[in-house]
Amino acid sequence: MFDAETTALMRAVLEDVCESVSCYETAARTHVASMILEAARKGETSVDGLKQIGRSALRGAPIVWN
């Protein structure tokens, strides 16, 4: 579906956006990842655009802060 470059970009954006989220918060990470994927499917492949979408998704993600 996505080429290697786009896949690597999306992974890097996800890690950047979720840097303060525990790796155990899978629900939050999954939510952000799905929003990034959806945006990329619709044609958004710029770093800034994907980061903005990821950060917006993170604000609405289910997170349990310890």
PDB file of N, CA and C in Angstrom:
ATOM      1  N   MET A   1       0.818  -1.188   0.000  1.00  0.00           N
ATOM      2  CA  MET A   1       0.000   0.000   0.000  1.00  0.00           C
ATOM      3  C   MET A   1       0.870   1.265   0.000  1.00  0.00           C
ATOM      4  N   PHE A   2       1.833   1.343   0.922  1.00  0.00           N
ATOM      5  CA  PHE A   2       2.747   2.482   0.985  1.00  0.00           C
ATOM      6  C   PHE A   2       4.150   2.015   0.623  1.00  0.00           C
ATOM      7  N   ASP A   3       4.915   2.914   0.015  1.00  0.00           N
ATOM      8  CA  ASP A   3       6.302   2.554  -0.289  1.00  0.00           C
ATOM      9  C   ASP A   3       7.129   2.639   1.005  1.00  0.00           C
ATOM     10  N   ALA A   4       8.352   2.122   0.927  1.00  0.00           N
ATOM     11  CA  ALA A   4       9.214   2.049   2.106  1.00  0.00           C
ATOM     12  C   ALA A   4       9.499   3.426   2.701  1.00  0.00           C
ATOM     13  N   GLU A   5       9.664   4.425   1.852  1.00  0.00           N
ATOM     14  CA  GLU A   5       9.961   5.780   2.331  1.00  0.00           C
ATOM     15  C   GLU A   5       8.791   6.353   3.129  1.00  0.00           C
ATOM     16  N   THR A   6       7.585   6.188   2.614  1.00  0.00           N
ATOM     17  CA  THR A   6       6.401   6.697   3.307  1.00  0.00           C
ATOM     18  C   THR A   6       6.170   5.944   4.609  1.00  0.00           C
ATOM     19  N   THR A   7       6.377   4.643   4.588  1.00  0.00           N
ATOM     20  CA  THR A   7       6.225   3.837   5.799  1.00  0.00           C
ATOM     21  C   THR A   7       7.214   4.284   6.870  1.00  0.00           C
ATOM     22  N   ALA A   8       8.461   4.526   6.481  1.00  0.00           N
ATOM     23  CA  ALA A   8       9.471   4.993   7.422  1.00  0.00           C
ATOM     24  C   ALA A   8       9.111   6.379   7.965  1.00  0.00           C
ATOM     25  N   LEU A   9       8.590   7.237   7.110  1.00  0.00           N
ATOM     26  CA  LEU A   9       8.171   8.572   7.524  1.00  0.00           C
ATOM     27  C   LEU A   9       7.053   8.481   8.563  1.00  0.00           C
ATOM     28  N   MET A  10       6.054   7.656   8.289  1.00  0.00           N
ATOM     29  CA  MET A  10       4.933   7.519   9.226  1.00  0.00           C
ATOM     30  C   MET A  10       5.408   6.960  10.564  1.00  0.00           C
ATOM     31  N   ARG A  11       6.309   5.994  10.531  1.00  0.00           N
ATOM     32  CA  ARG A  11       6.835   5.421  11.771  1.00  0.00           C
ATOM     33  C   ARG A  11       7.604   6.484  12.564  1.00  0.00           C
ATOM     34  N   ALA A  12       8.409   7.279  11.888  1.00  0.00           N
ATOM     35  CA  ALA A  12       9.178   8.332  12.563  1.00  0.00           C
ATOM     36  C   ALA A  12       8.252   9.378  13.173  1.00  0.00           C
ATOM     37  N   VAL A  13       7.207   9.750  12.450  1.00  0.00           N
ATOM     38  CA  VAL A  13       6.237  10.721  12.970  1.00  0.00           C
ATOM     39  C   VAL A  13       5.539  10.148  14.201  1.00  0.00           C
ATOM     40  N   LEU A  14       5.123   8.893  14.133  1.00  0.00           N
ATOM     41  CA  LEU A  14       4.461   8.252  15.275  1.00  0.00           C
ATOM     42  C   LEU A  14       5.369   8.274  16.505  1.00  0.00           C
ATOM     43  N   GLU A  15       6.626   7.900  16.332  1.00  0.00           N
ATOM     44  CA  GLU A  15       7.566   7.888  17.457  1.00  0.00           C
ATOM     45  C   GLU A  15       7.804   9.290  18.003  1.00  0.00           C
ATOM     46  N   ASP A  16       7.880  10.275  17.121  1.00  0.00           N
ATOM     47  CA  ASP A  16       8.080  11.652  17.550  1.00  0.00           C
ATOM     48  C   ASP A  16       6.876  12.157  18.335  1.00  0.00           C
ATOM     49  N   VAL A  17       5.691  11.942  17.798  1.00  0.00           N
ATOM     50  CA  VAL A  17       4.469  12.419  18.440  1.00  0.00           C
ATOM     51  C   VAL A  17       4.246  11.720  19.786  1.00  0.00           C
ATOM     52  N   CYS A  18       4.570  10.441  19.852  1.00  0.00           N
ATOM     53  CA  CYS A  18       4.303   9.652  21.060  1.00  0.00           C
ATOM     54  C   CYS A  18       5.507   9.517  21.984  1.00  0.00           C
ATOM     55  N   GLU A  19       6.503  10.394  21.842  1.00  0.00           N
ATOM     56  CA  GLU A  19       7.713  10.265  22.645  1.00  0.00           C
ATOM     57  C   GLU A  19       7.451  10.336  24.145  1.00  0.00           C
ATOM     58  N   SER A  20       6.411  11.049  24.561  1.00  0.00           N
ATOM     59  CA  SER A  20       6.114  11.165  25.990  1.00  0.00           C
ATOM     60  C   SER A  20       5.084  10.151  26.465  1.00  0.00           C
ATOM     61  N   VAL A  21       4.656   9.277  25.570  1.00  0.00           N
ATOM     62  CA  VAL A  21       3.648   8.273  25.899  1.00  0.00           C
ATOM     63  C   VAL A  21       4.352   6.941  26.146  1.00  0.00           C
ATOM     64  N   SER A  22       4.024   6.300  27.227  1.00  0.00           N
ATOM     65  CA  SER A  22       4.620   5.009  27.558  1.00  0.00           C
ATOM     66  C   SER A  22       4.376   3.996  26.436  1.00  0.00           C
ATOM     67  N   CYS A  23       5.346   3.136  26.216  1.00  0.00           N
ATOM     68  CA  CYS A  23       5.182   2.102  25.187  1.00  0.00           C
ATOM     69  C   CYS A  23       4.076   1.124  25.575  1.00  0.00           C
ATOM     70  N   TYR A  24       3.654   1.146  26.830  1.00  0.00           N
ATOM     71  CA  TYR A  24       2.569   0.273  27.290  1.00  0.00           C
ATOM     72  C   TYR A  24       1.188   0.867  27.019  1.00  0.00           C
ATOM     73  N   GLU A  25       1.141   2.122  26.623  1.00  0.00           N
ATOM     74  CA  GLU A  25      -0.135   2.780  26.296  1.00  0.00           C
ATOM     75  C   GLU A  25      -0.505   2.448  24.850  1.00  0.00           C
ATOM     76  N   THR A  26      -0.813   1.197  24.625  1.00  0.00           N
ATOM     77  CA  THR A  26      -1.062   0.743  23.254  1.00  0.00           C
ATOM     78  C   THR A  26      -2.316   1.365  22.650  1.00  0.00           C
ATOM     79  N   ALA A  27      -3.319   1.639  23.459  1.00  0.00           N
ATOM     80  CA  ALA A  27      -4.541   2.243  22.925  1.00  0.00           C
ATOM     81  C   ALA A  27      -4.260   3.625  22.351  1.00  0.00           C
ATOM     82  N   ALA A  28      -3.478   4.410  23.062  1.00  0.00           N
ATOM     83  CA  ALA A  28      -3.142   5.755  22.594  1.00  0.00           C
ATOM     84  C   ALA A  28      -2.288   5.689  21.336  1.00  0.00           C
ATOM     85  N   ARG A  29      -1.272   4.843  21.364  1.00  0.00           N
ATOM     86  CA  ARG A  29      -0.392   4.711  20.192  1.00  0.00           C
ATOM     87  C   ARG A  29      -1.160   4.191  18.977  1.00  0.00           C
ATOM     88  N   THR A  30      -2.051   3.255  19.203  1.00  0.00           N
ATOM     89  CA  THR A  30      -2.853   2.713  18.105  1.00  0.00           C
ATOM     90  C   THR A  30      -3.756   3.785  17.519  1.00  0.00           C
ATOM     91  N   HIS A  31      -4.339   4.595  18.370  1.00  0.00           N
ATOM     92  CA  HIS A  31      -5.218   5.675  17.904  1.00  0.00           C
ATOM     93  C   HIS A  31      -4.433   6.672  17.042  1.00  0.00           C
ATOM     94  N   VAL A  32      -3.279   7.081  17.524  1.00  0.00           N
ATOM     95  CA  VAL A  32      -2.456   8.027  16.773  1.00  0.00           C
ATOM     96  C   VAL A  32      -2.010   7.408  15.452  1.00  0.00           C
ATOM     97  N   ALA A  33      -1.568   6.165  15.496  1.00  0.00           N
ATOM     98  CA  ALA A  33      -1.126   5.478  14.275  1.00  0.00           C
ATOM     99  C   ALA A  33      -2.247   5.393  13.250  1.00  0.00           C
ATOM    100  N   SER A  34      -3.455   5.081  13.700  1.00  0.00           N
ATOM    101  CA  SER A  34      -4.568   4.960  12.750  1.00  0.00           C
ATOM    102  C   SER A  34      -4.909   6.303  12.116  1.00  0.00           C
ATOM    103  N   MET A  35      -4.780   7.391  12.866  1.00  0.00           N
ATOM    104  CA  MET A  35      -5.047   8.715  12.311  1.00  0.00           C
ATOM    105  C   MET A  35      -3.974   9.106  11.302  1.00  0.00           C
ATOM    106  N   ILE A  36      -2.729   8.761  11.588  1.00  0.00           N
ATOM    107  CA  ILE A  36      -1.635   9.031  10.653  1.00  0.00           C
ATOM    108  C   ILE A  36      -1.823   8.219   9.379  1.00  0.00           C
ATOM    109  N   LEU A  37      -2.169   6.950   9.524  1.00  0.00           N
ATOM    110  CA  LEU A  37      -2.425   6.100   8.353  1.00  0.00           C
ATOM    111  C   LEU A  37      -3.569   6.636   7.505  1.00  0.00           C
ATOM    112  N   GLU A  38      -4.649   7.027   8.156  1.00  0.00           N
ATOM    113  CA  GLU A  38      -5.803   7.562   7.423  1.00  0.00           C
ATOM    114  C   GLU A  38      -5.417   8.813   6.643  1.00  0.00           C
ATOM    115  N   ALA A  39      -4.660   9.691   7.269  1.00  0.00           N
ATOM    116  CA  ALA A  39      -4.230  10.916   6.591  1.00  0.00           C
ATOM    117  C   ALA A  39      -3.346  10.592   5.396  1.00  0.00           C
ATOM    118  N   ALA A  40      -2.433   9.645   5.561  1.00  0.00           N
ATOM    119  CA  ALA A  40      -1.546   9.259   4.458  1.00  0.00           C
ATOM    120  C   ALA A  40      -2.343   8.638   3.312  1.00  0.00           C
ATOM    121  N   ARG A  41      -3.333   7.839   3.644  1.00  0.00           N
ATOM    122  CA  ARG A  41      -4.192   7.260   2.596  1.00  0.00           C
ATOM    123  C   ARG A  41      -4.902   8.338   1.794  1.00  0.00           C
ATOM    124  N   LYS A  42      -5.200   9.452   2.454  1.00  0.00           N
ATOM    125  CA  LYS A  42      -5.886  10.560   1.787  1.00  0.00           C
ATOM    126  C   LYS A  42      -4.916  11.488   1.066  1.00  0.00           C
ATOM    127  N   GLY A  43      -3.605  11.160   1.145  1.00  0.00           N
ATOM    128  CA  GLY A  43      -2.632  11.935   0.396  1.00  0.00           C
ATOM    129  C   GLY A  43      -1.708  12.829   1.191  1.00  0.00           C
ATOM    130  N   GLU A  44      -1.910  12.928   2.502  1.00  0.00           N
ATOM    131  CA  GLU A  44      -1.038  13.762   3.328  1.00  0.00           C
ATOM    132  C   GLU A  44       0.234  12.982   3.638  1.00  0.00           C
ATOM    133  N   THR A  45       1.349  13.430   3.074  1.00  0.00           N
ATOM    134  CA  THR A  45       2.620  12.743   3.323  1.00  0.00           C
ATOM    135  C   THR A  45       3.729  13.703   3.732  1.00  0.00           C
ATOM    136  N   SER A  46       3.383  14.932   4.076  1.00  0.00           N
ATOM    137  CA  SER A  46       4.416  15.852   4.551  1.00  0.00           C
ATOM    138  C   SER A  46       4.657  15.606   6.035  1.00  0.00           C
ATOM    139  N   VAL A  47       5.874  15.793   6.458  1.00  0.00           N
ATOM    140  CA  VAL A  47       6.231  15.596   7.859  1.00  0.00           C
ATOM    141  C   VAL A  47       5.383  16.496   8.749  1.00  0.00           C
ATOM    142  N   ASP A  48       5.334  17.770   8.412  1.00  0.00           N
ATOM    143  CA  ASP A  48       4.584  18.723   9.242  1.00  0.00           C
ATOM    144  C   ASP A  48       3.105  18.378   9.302  1.00  0.00           C
ATOM    145  N   GLY A  49       2.528  18.021   8.172  1.00  0.00           N
ATOM    146  CA  GLY A  49       1.107  17.673   8.136  1.00  0.00           C
ATOM    147  C   GLY A  49       0.801  16.448   8.971  1.00  0.00           C
ATOM    148  N   LEU A  50       1.633  15.416   8.848  1.00  0.00           N
ATOM    149  CA  LEU A  50       1.414  14.190   9.622  1.00  0.00           C
ATOM    150  C   LEU A  50       1.644  14.422  11.113  1.00  0.00           C
ATOM    151  N   LYS A  51       2.616  15.245  11.452  1.00  0.00           N
ATOM    152  CA  LYS A  51       2.847  15.552  12.868  1.00  0.00           C
ATOM    153  C   LYS A  51       1.659  16.298  13.459  1.00  0.00           C
ATOM    154  N   GLN A  52       1.127  17.240  12.711  1.00  0.00           N
ATOM    155  CA  GLN A  52      -0.030  17.993  13.191  1.00  0.00           C
ATOM    156  C   GLN A  52      -1.216  17.059  13.429  1.00  0.00           C
ATOM    157  N   ILE A  53      -1.460  16.171  12.496  1.00  0.00           N
ATOM    158  CA  ILE A  53      -2.550  15.212  12.630  1.00  0.00           C
ATOM    159  C   ILE A  53      -2.291  14.273  13.804  1.00  0.00           C
ATOM    160  N   GLY A  54      -1.054  13.810  13.944  1.00  0.00           N
ATOM    161  CA  GLY A  54      -0.711  12.929  15.049  1.00  0.00           C
ATOM    162  C   GLY A  54      -0.885  13.596  16.401  1.00  0.00           C
ATOM    163  N   ARG A  55      -0.444  14.836  16.509  1.00  0.00           N
ATOM    164  CA  ARG A  55      -0.586  15.560  17.782  1.00  0.00           C
ATOM    165  C   ARG A  55      -2.052  15.811  18.125  1.00  0.00           C
ATOM    166  N   SER A  56      -2.830  16.127  17.121  1.00  0.00           N
ATOM    167  CA  SER A  56      -4.256  16.311  17.334  1.00  0.00           C
ATOM    168  C   SER A  56      -4.899  15.007  17.801  1.00  0.00           C
ATOM    169  N   ALA A  57      -4.512  13.904  17.180  1.00  0.00           N
ATOM    170  CA  ALA A  57      -5.051  12.597  17.578  1.00  0.00           C
ATOM    171  C   ALA A  57      -4.632  12.245  18.999  1.00  0.00           C
ATOM    172  N   LEU A  58      -3.407  12.602  19.369  1.00  0.00           N
ATOM    173  CA  LEU A  58      -2.924  12.295  20.709  1.00  0.00           C
ATOM    174  C   LEU A  58      -3.732  13.031  21.775  1.00  0.00           C
ATOM    175  N   ARG A  59      -4.139  14.256  21.479  1.00  0.00           N
ATOM    176  CA  ARG A  59      -4.950  15.017  22.447  1.00  0.00           C
ATOM    177  C   ARG A  59      -6.271  14.320  22.721  1.00  0.00           C
ATOM    178  N   GLY A  60      -6.788  13.576  21.755  1.00  0.00           N
ATOM    179  CA  GLY A  60      -8.053  12.875  21.946  1.00  0.00           C
ATOM    180  C   GLY A  60      -7.903  11.400  22.227  1.00  0.00           C
ATOM    181  N   ALA A  61      -6.671  10.954  22.427  1.00  0.00           N
ATOM    182  CA  ALA A  61      -6.407   9.531  22.619  1.00  0.00           C
ATOM    183  C   ALA A  61      -6.691   9.101  24.063  1.00  0.00           C
ATOM    184  N   PRO A  62      -7.072   7.847  24.219  1.00  0.00           N
ATOM    185  CA  PRO A  62      -7.279   7.315  25.586  1.00  0.00           C
ATOM    186  C   PRO A  62      -5.929   7.020  26.231  1.00  0.00           C
ATOM    187  N   ILE A  63      -5.536   7.851  27.200  1.00  0.00           N
ATOM    188  CA  ILE A  63      -4.234   7.692  27.866  1.00  0.00           C
ATOM    189  C   ILE A  63      -4.459   7.581  29.370  1.00  0.00           C
ATOM    190  N   VAL A  64      -3.778   6.645  29.975  1.00  0.00           N
ATOM    191  CA  VAL A  64      -3.801   6.512  31.430  1.00  0.00           C
ATOM    192  C   VAL A  64      -2.442   6.974  31.920  1.00  0.00           C
ATOM    193  N   TRP A  65      -2.425   8.112  32.583  1.00  0.00           N
ATOM    194  CA  TRP A  65      -1.162   8.650  33.104  1.00  0.00           C
ATOM    195  C   TRP A  65      -0.931   8.065  34.485  1.00  0.00           C
ATOM    196  N   ASN A  66       0.273   7.557  34.696  1.00  0.00           N
ATOM    197  CA  ASN A  66       0.617   6.958  36.003  1.00  0.00           C
ATOM    198  C   ASN A  66       1.224   7.979  36.920  1.00  0.00           C
TER     199      ASN A  66
END
